[in-house]
C-alpha cells in the first residue's frame, strides 16, 4: 500500500481532498497521511467491534478473551462513548459475547467509532500545530504491523497482500 500511495499521491491535485478507500488500521492511516492522503473510509471499526476487538490509544483489546472474565474496568477509562462511560465493564462485555447477546457487538462497534473519531480529531490537531510526525511516531508504535497469515512481508518494503 505504501508503495502504491507514494507513487500515485503526487499525481493527484494538491488543492483537492485525496481519498484512499478501504484503509482503516491506525498504522495504515498514519502512513497514508504522511504520504499526502486526506480522506479515508473503512468497515474496520464496526466489523472488528462485532467480533469483540476494540481499539484504545494504547493498542487493541479482544474483550472475548478469558483474561477479561473478571476485569471490572471499562474498555478505555478516558473514553466518553456509551460503552465506556455507561458503566459496561470488560467482564460484562465479554459475558455479552459469550452469551451471544447483540448488545456486546453493538457497544464495541460504537466504542470503535468513537475511538476513530477521537483519533482523527487528534491527528487533524497535530497537523494544524505542525506536530504530525511526532503524533505519527507516538501513536504508531502502539499498533504492531498486521499479523494476519495472508500478510506476507517482503524484504523490499511493506507487507505484500
Foldseek 3Di string as FASTA:
>chain_A
DLVVLLVCVVVDDLVDAAEDEADDDLLRVLSSVVSPHDYYDHCVLLVVLLQQWAADLLGIDRLLDPVQLPFQAFPDCVFDFCRHVVRPGSNNLNVCVVVVNRVSSVSRSRRRVSRVVVLVVVQVVCVVVVNNVVVSVSRVVSYDPDDPPVFPQDPVDGTDD
